[in-house]
Amino acid sequence: MIPMGTVVTVCMFIAVLFASGLLNRAPRTLKLLVTVVIGAAGSWNVLWYALRNIPEKWGWLAFVSGILMIITACYISLNHQLPKPLQSAKLPVLVALTACAIYYAQTIYHL
């Protein structure tokens, strides 16, 4: 069985790839599927892991990365329908999510 931390890390990297526009030519159905998977992984991070472990460092990191994943899922499928302030925050959100993904990946690698 694949550990959930690995699944979430892969989802973060995929989210950044899709939201950054590197995969703009992907079919709409694939973008919607990725949106659902990224949104579900982000929701799991926030609603299940973070809420159970909020006093710990990983609880806070799960909360922050989960919120970033949910916002990024919105960038993938609803970008033009989002409020202007959220659209203008796209670059900082993607940079922060990339930093979280790298931190997760580095930690998993060292385990």
Protein backbone atom coordinates (compact mmCIF):
# COMPACT_ATOMS: atom_id res chain seq x y z
CA MET A 1 0.00 0.00 0.00
CA ILE A 2 1.27 3.50 -0.87
CA PRO A 3 1.51 5.84 2.15
CA MET A 4 -0.87 8.79 2.05
CA GLY A 5 2.02 11.26 2.42
CA THR A 6 3.41 10.02 -0.88
CA VAL A 7 0.02 10.31 -2.57
CA VAL A 8 -0.42 13.88 -1.30
CA THR A 9 3.10 14.83 -2.42
CA VAL A 10 2.50 13.52 -5.94
CA CYS A 11 -0.84 15.37 -6.01
CA MET A 12 0.91 18.61 -5.05
CA PHE A 13 3.40 18.30 -7.90
CA ILE A 14 0.65 17.41 -10.39
CA ALA A 15 -1.43 20.37 -9.17
CA VAL A 16 1.44 22.77 -9.77
CA LEU A 17 2.05 21.35 -13.27
CA PHE A 18 -1.58 21.73 -14.30
CA ALA A 19 -2.24 25.11 -12.65
CA SER A 20 0.97 26.65 -13.98
CA GLY A 21 -0.18 26.13 -17.54
CA LEU A 22 2.53 23.64 -18.48
CA LEU A 23 -0.17 21.14 -19.45
CA ASN A 24 -2.62 23.52 -21.14
CA ARG A 25 -3.18 21.13 -24.03
CA ALA A 26 -4.52 18.41 -21.77
CA PRO A 27 -8.10 17.37 -22.53
CA ARG A 28 -10.82 19.08 -20.50
CA THR A 29 -11.88 15.74 -19.00
CA LEU A 30 -8.37 15.11 -17.70
CA LYS A 31 -8.27 18.61 -16.18
CA LEU A 32 -11.58 17.96 -14.43
CA LEU A 33 -10.35 14.59 -13.14
CA VAL A 34 -7.16 16.20 -11.85
CA THR A 35 -9.23 18.96 -10.23
CA VAL A 36 -11.34 16.40 -8.36
CA VAL A 37 -8.33 14.36 -7.25
CA ILE A 38 -6.36 17.44 -6.13
CA GLY A 39 -9.40 18.86 -4.34
CA ALA A 40 -10.01 15.53 -2.60
CA ALA A 41 -6.35 15.22 -1.53
CA GLY A 42 -6.36 18.79 -0.25
CA SER A 43 -9.61 18.21 1.62
CA TRP A 44 -8.21 15.03 3.16
CA ASN A 45 -5.12 16.95 4.24
CA VAL A 46 -7.20 19.67 5.92
CA LEU A 47 -10.23 17.80 7.22
CA TRP A 48 -8.71 14.52 8.27
CA TYR A 49 -4.98 14.75 8.90
CA ALA A 50 -4.58 18.38 9.96
CA LEU A 51 -7.54 18.42 12.31
CA ARG A 52 -6.28 15.31 14.08
CA ASN A 53 -2.69 16.53 14.36
CA ILE A 54 -2.94 20.33 14.54
CA PRO A 55 -0.64 20.72 17.59
CA GLU A 56 2.21 19.09 15.65
CA LYS A 57 4.38 20.56 12.88
CA TRP A 58 2.96 18.09 10.34
CA GLY A 59 -0.58 19.01 11.31
CA TRP A 60 0.08 22.66 10.49
CA LEU A 61 1.91 21.76 7.30
CA ALA A 62 -0.98 19.51 6.25
CA PHE A 63 -3.41 22.36 6.93
CA VAL A 64 -1.44 24.90 4.89
CA SER A 65 -0.68 22.54 2.01
CA GLY A 66 -4.28 21.29 1.97
CA ILE A 67 -5.67 24.82 1.66
CA LEU A 68 -3.13 25.56 -1.08
CA MET A 69 -4.16 22.37 -2.92
CA ILE A 70 -7.84 23.31 -2.77
CA ILE A 71 -7.09 26.79 -4.13
CA THR A 72 -4.90 25.27 -6.84
CA ALA A 73 -7.68 22.87 -7.83
CA CYS A 74 -9.83 25.96 -8.38
CA TYR A 75 -7.09 27.46 -10.57
CA ILE A 76 -7.13 24.37 -12.77
CA SER A 77 -10.83 24.36 -13.58
CA LEU A 78 -12.33 27.71 -12.51
CA ASN A 79 -9.47 30.16 -13.03
CA HIS A 80 -11.42 32.79 -15.00
CA GLN A 81 -14.41 32.60 -12.64
CA LEU A 82 -12.39 33.28 -9.47
CA PRO A 83 -12.34 36.72 -7.85
CA LYS A 84 -9.57 39.03 -9.10
CA PRO A 85 -7.61 39.00 -5.79
CA LEU A 86 -7.48 35.20 -5.89
CA GLN A 87 -6.42 35.25 -9.54
CA SER A 88 -3.63 37.71 -8.80
CA ALA A 89 -2.39 35.49 -5.94
CA LYS A 90 -1.82 32.56 -8.28
CA LEU A 91 1.97 32.84 -8.46
CA PRO A 92 2.52 33.07 -4.67
CA VAL A 93 0.10 30.17 -4.12
CA LEU A 94 1.88 27.96 -6.65
CA VAL A 95 5.31 28.88 -5.23
CA ALA A 96 4.12 28.05 -1.72
CA LEU A 97 2.59 24.75 -2.88
CA THR A 98 5.81 23.88 -4.69
CA ALA A 99 7.76 24.58 -1.51
CA CYS A 100 5.41 22.31 0.46
CA ALA A 101 5.75 19.57 -2.15
CA ILE A 102 9.54 19.77 -2.08
CA TYR A 103 9.55 19.67 1.72
CA TYR A 104 7.22 16.65 1.77
CA ALA A 105 9.29 14.88 -0.91
CA GLN A 106 12.58 15.58 0.86
CA THR A 107 11.20 14.30 4.16
CA ILE A 108 9.78 11.14 2.57
CA TYR A 109 13.09 10.52 0.80
CA HIS A 110 15.00 10.72 4.09
CA LEU A 111 12.67 8.29 5.82
